[in-house]
Amino acid sequence: MLKELFFKIFNNNDENEYEDIDNLEIKNSLKFCKSSIKGHRSSARRNFVFSIIGITSGMVIASISIIGIGNIFPQYGPNTVPSSTIIAVFAITVMVFGAFMALNRYHLNEIAKYEHYILAFRRLNIAGGINDKTCPILIALTNDPFSFTSHTKSKGSVSSPIPGHPTSDLTTIFLNKLLDNFELSKLKTTENKTESGTG
């Protein structure tokens, strides 16, 4: 009994997973969504591992540069690592980490989108079995099932061109603060002009 349960959990075929669905188009769409999710999951894991390896190796290289190669490995001579090299290593580390994390976030958004599409196709499959066109359940099931927002909207007027990249997000926050302050100061000057004109 327990062996059959484990076999069913770990050897779950896509054919058996969708055997309750009669519509061939919905079944093929569900299989496509499932395979896309698998592909994006493996890419997200790979990008996450690369980002962790990149930041770890970058920090190790930067730490060795700060401490000095000559202190750790005396055979290489005195400490001759310039500070510009240390700054460059830090910058490259942050860029590599940010790029891989942005790719990871992209794949996670795609996974969420395809999981939402799986639910939408399931909803349409359920709606296909309802014959009464005025049924409120049918209307609720078919009311915009594929609408999906990949990320939350930016609070400011400028949105991040690369969502998930730390430098892009920080620059966007900085620009939005500058624009908010500029609009606030512009509003104050127009209020002062209207008050002085009426007074």
Protein backbone atom coordinates (compact mmCIF):
# COMPACT_ATOMS: atom_id res chain seq x y z
CA MET A 1 0.00 0.00 0.00
CA LEU A 2 2.72 2.48 1.01
CA LYS A 3 4.88 1.36 -1.92
CA GLU A 4 2.03 2.04 -4.37
CA LEU A 5 1.49 5.49 -2.87
CA PHE A 6 5.18 6.43 -3.26
CA PHE A 7 5.18 5.04 -6.80
CA LYS A 8 2.14 7.13 -7.63
CA ILE A 9 3.65 10.31 -6.16
CA PHE A 10 7.13 10.06 -7.68
CA ASN A 11 6.18 8.51 -11.03
CA ASN A 12 3.31 10.79 -11.89
CA ASN A 13 3.00 10.79 -15.69
CA ASP A 14 1.39 13.67 -17.53
CA GLU A 15 -0.88 11.19 -19.29
CA ASN A 16 -2.42 10.03 -16.01
CA GLU A 17 -2.56 13.55 -14.62
CA TYR A 18 -4.99 14.79 -17.28
CA GLU A 19 -7.07 11.65 -17.82
CA ASP A 20 -10.16 13.41 -16.41
CA ILE A 21 -10.06 15.97 -19.26
CA ASP A 22 -11.94 15.08 -22.44
CA ASN A 23 -11.13 18.16 -24.52
CA LEU A 24 -7.97 17.44 -26.55
CA GLU A 25 -7.02 21.14 -27.00
CA ILE A 26 -7.20 21.81 -23.26
CA LYS A 27 -5.25 18.63 -22.53
CA ASN A 28 -2.47 19.61 -24.98
CA SER A 29 -2.41 23.15 -23.59
CA LEU A 30 -2.04 21.81 -20.05
CA LYS A 31 0.83 19.57 -21.15
CA PHE A 32 2.54 22.51 -22.83
CA CYS A 33 2.17 24.66 -19.70
CA LYS A 34 3.54 21.83 -17.55
CA SER A 35 6.59 21.34 -19.79
CA SER A 36 7.21 25.11 -19.84
CA ILE A 37 7.09 25.18 -16.04
CA LYS A 38 9.65 22.36 -15.86
CA GLY A 39 11.99 24.20 -18.24
CA HIS A 40 11.70 27.49 -16.38
CA ARG A 41 12.24 25.76 -13.02
CA SER A 42 15.49 24.19 -14.18
CA SER A 43 16.67 27.53 -15.62
CA ALA A 44 15.74 29.36 -12.41
CA ARG A 45 17.67 26.86 -10.31
CA ARG A 46 20.69 27.13 -12.60
CA ASN A 47 20.68 30.94 -12.52
CA PHE A 48 20.31 30.95 -8.73
CA VAL A 49 23.29 28.59 -8.34
CA PHE A 50 25.37 30.70 -10.75
CA SER A 51 24.51 33.87 -8.84
CA ILE A 52 25.52 32.31 -5.51
CA ILE A 53 28.76 30.96 -7.03
CA GLY A 54 29.45 34.36 -8.62
CA ILE A 55 28.95 36.37 -5.43
CA THR A 56 30.89 33.86 -3.33
CA SER A 57 33.86 33.74 -5.68
CA GLY A 58 33.78 37.53 -6.12
CA MET A 59 33.81 38.09 -2.37
CA VAL A 60 36.64 35.60 -1.91
CA ILE A 61 38.71 37.33 -4.61
CA ALA A 62 37.93 40.75 -3.15
CA SER A 63 38.80 39.59 0.37
CA ILE A 64 42.12 38.17 -0.84
CA SER A 65 42.77 41.45 -2.66
CA ILE A 66 42.00 43.51 0.46
CA ILE A 67 44.07 41.35 2.78
CA GLY A 68 46.81 41.14 0.22
CA ILE A 69 48.05 38.26 -1.83
CA GLY A 70 51.52 38.57 -0.31
CA ASN A 71 50.16 37.98 3.20
CA ILE A 72 48.41 34.76 2.17
CA PHE A 73 50.86 33.46 -0.45
CA PRO A 74 54.34 34.86 0.34
CA GLN A 75 55.85 33.24 -2.75
CA TYR A 76 54.00 35.79 -4.94
CA GLY A 77 55.86 38.72 -3.42
CA PRO A 78 54.67 41.85 -1.60
CA ASN A 79 51.17 43.24 -1.61
CA THR A 80 50.80 45.01 -4.94
CA VAL A 81 47.03 44.96 -5.49
CA PRO A 82 45.82 48.49 -6.33
CA SER A 83 42.56 49.75 -4.89
CA SER A 84 41.10 50.18 -8.39
CA THR A 85 41.37 46.40 -8.84
CA ILE A 86 39.45 45.82 -5.62
CA ILE A 87 36.71 48.25 -6.72
CA ALA A 88 36.54 46.59 -10.14
CA VAL A 89 36.18 43.12 -8.56
CA PHE A 90 33.38 44.38 -6.31
CA ALA A 91 31.60 46.05 -9.25
CA ILE A 92 31.85 42.95 -11.45
CA THR A 93 30.63 40.78 -8.59
CA VAL A 94 27.57 42.97 -8.03
CA MET A 95 26.83 43.09 -11.76
CA VAL A 96 27.10 39.32 -12.21
CA PHE A 97 25.01 38.63 -9.12
CA GLY A 98 22.36 41.14 -10.19
CA ALA A 99 22.17 39.80 -13.74
CA PHE A 100 21.71 36.20 -12.64
CA MET A 101 19.16 37.19 -9.99
CA ALA A 102 17.22 39.19 -12.60
CA LEU A 103 17.19 36.13 -14.87
CA ASN A 104 16.09 34.02 -11.91
CA ARG A 105 13.25 36.43 -11.21
CA TYR A 106 12.21 36.34 -14.87
CA HIS A 107 11.96 32.55 -14.78
CA LEU A 108 10.00 32.66 -11.51
CA ASN A 109 7.54 35.11 -13.12
CA GLU A 110 7.18 32.78 -16.10
CA ILE A 111 6.52 29.83 -13.76
CA ALA A 112 3.81 31.83 -11.99
CA LYS A 113 2.29 32.80 -15.36
CA TYR A 114 2.12 29.22 -16.65
CA GLU A 115 0.71 27.96 -13.33
CA HIS A 116 -1.98 30.62 -13.67
CA TYR A 117 -2.66 29.40 -17.21
CA ILE A 118 -3.04 25.84 -15.92
CA LEU A 119 -5.72 27.07 -13.53
CA ALA A 120 -7.36 29.00 -16.39
CA PHE A 121 -7.50 25.90 -18.61
CA ARG A 122 -8.92 23.90 -15.69
CA ARG A 123 -11.57 26.58 -15.24
CA LEU A 124 -12.47 26.40 -18.92
CA ASN A 125 -12.66 22.62 -18.72
CA ILE A 126 -15.12 22.87 -15.83
CA ALA A 127 -17.08 25.57 -17.65
CA GLY A 128 -17.35 23.30 -20.71
CA GLY A 129 -19.49 20.88 -18.72
CA ILE A 130 -22.10 23.51 -17.77
CA ASN A 131 -24.97 23.74 -20.26
CA ASP A 132 -26.85 26.70 -18.77
CA LYS A 133 -25.37 29.84 -20.36
CA THR A 134 -26.91 32.15 -17.74
CA CYS A 135 -25.48 30.24 -14.80
CA PRO A 136 -23.45 32.58 -12.53
CA ILE A 137 -20.86 29.84 -12.01
CA LEU A 138 -20.26 29.65 -15.77
CA ILE A 139 -19.92 33.43 -15.97
CA ALA A 140 -17.45 33.45 -13.05
CA LEU A 141 -15.38 30.63 -14.56
CA THR A 142 -15.12 32.22 -18.00
CA ASN A 143 -14.70 35.84 -16.90
CA ASP A 144 -11.15 36.73 -18.02
CA PRO A 145 -9.41 33.53 -16.88
CA PHE A 146 -6.06 34.33 -18.57
CA SER A 147 -5.47 37.79 -17.08
CA PHE A 148 -2.14 37.74 -15.31
CA THR A 149 0.05 40.56 -13.99
CA SER A 150 3.68 39.50 -13.84
CA HIS A 151 4.81 42.04 -11.24
CA THR A 152 3.40 44.78 -9.09
CA LYS A 153 3.15 48.19 -10.63
CA SER A 154 5.76 50.76 -9.74
CA LYS A 155 4.64 53.40 -7.26
CA GLY A 156 6.43 56.17 -9.15
CA SER A 157 6.24 57.42 -12.68
CA VAL A 158 9.38 55.50 -13.74
CA SER A 159 9.35 51.71 -13.76
CA SER A 160 12.45 49.53 -13.60
CA PRO A 161 13.69 48.47 -17.07
CA ILE A 162 15.17 45.27 -15.60
CA PRO A 163 12.97 44.24 -12.67
CA GLY A 164 14.96 42.26 -10.14
CA HIS A 165 18.36 43.72 -10.98
CA PRO A 166 19.54 45.57 -7.84
CA THR A 167 21.21 48.45 -9.70
CA SER A 168 18.16 48.98 -11.92
CA ASP A 169 15.76 48.88 -8.96
CA LEU A 170 17.87 51.31 -6.90
CA THR A 171 18.20 53.70 -9.84
CA THR A 172 14.44 53.57 -10.39
CA ILE A 173 13.75 54.33 -6.73
CA PHE A 174 16.23 57.23 -6.84
CA LEU A 175 14.68 58.67 -10.03
CA ASN A 176 11.16 58.36 -8.62
CA LYS A 177 12.23 60.21 -5.44
CA LEU A 178 13.85 62.96 -7.53
CA LEU A 179 10.75 63.33 -9.71
CA ASP A 180 8.47 63.37 -6.65
CA ASN A 181 10.58 66.11 -5.04
CA PHE A 182 10.62 68.08 -8.30
CA GLU A 183 6.84 67.83 -8.68
CA LEU A 184 6.36 68.77 -5.02
CA SER A 185 8.59 71.84 -5.35
CA LYS A 186 6.84 72.79 -8.60
CA LEU A 187 3.48 72.50 -6.86
CA LYS A 188 4.68 74.70 -3.98
CA THR A 189 5.92 77.41 -6.35
CA THR A 190 2.60 77.47 -8.23
CA GLU A 191 0.72 77.70 -4.90
CA ASN A 192 2.96 80.60 -3.80
CA LYS A 193 2.35 82.41 -7.12
CA THR A 194 -1.42 82.00 -6.82
CA GLU A 195 -1.36 83.20 -3.20
CA SER A 196 0.77 86.25 -4.05
CA GLY A 197 -1.44 87.02 -7.07
CA THR A 198 -4.65 86.95 -5.02
CA GLY A 199 -3.14 88.75 -1.99
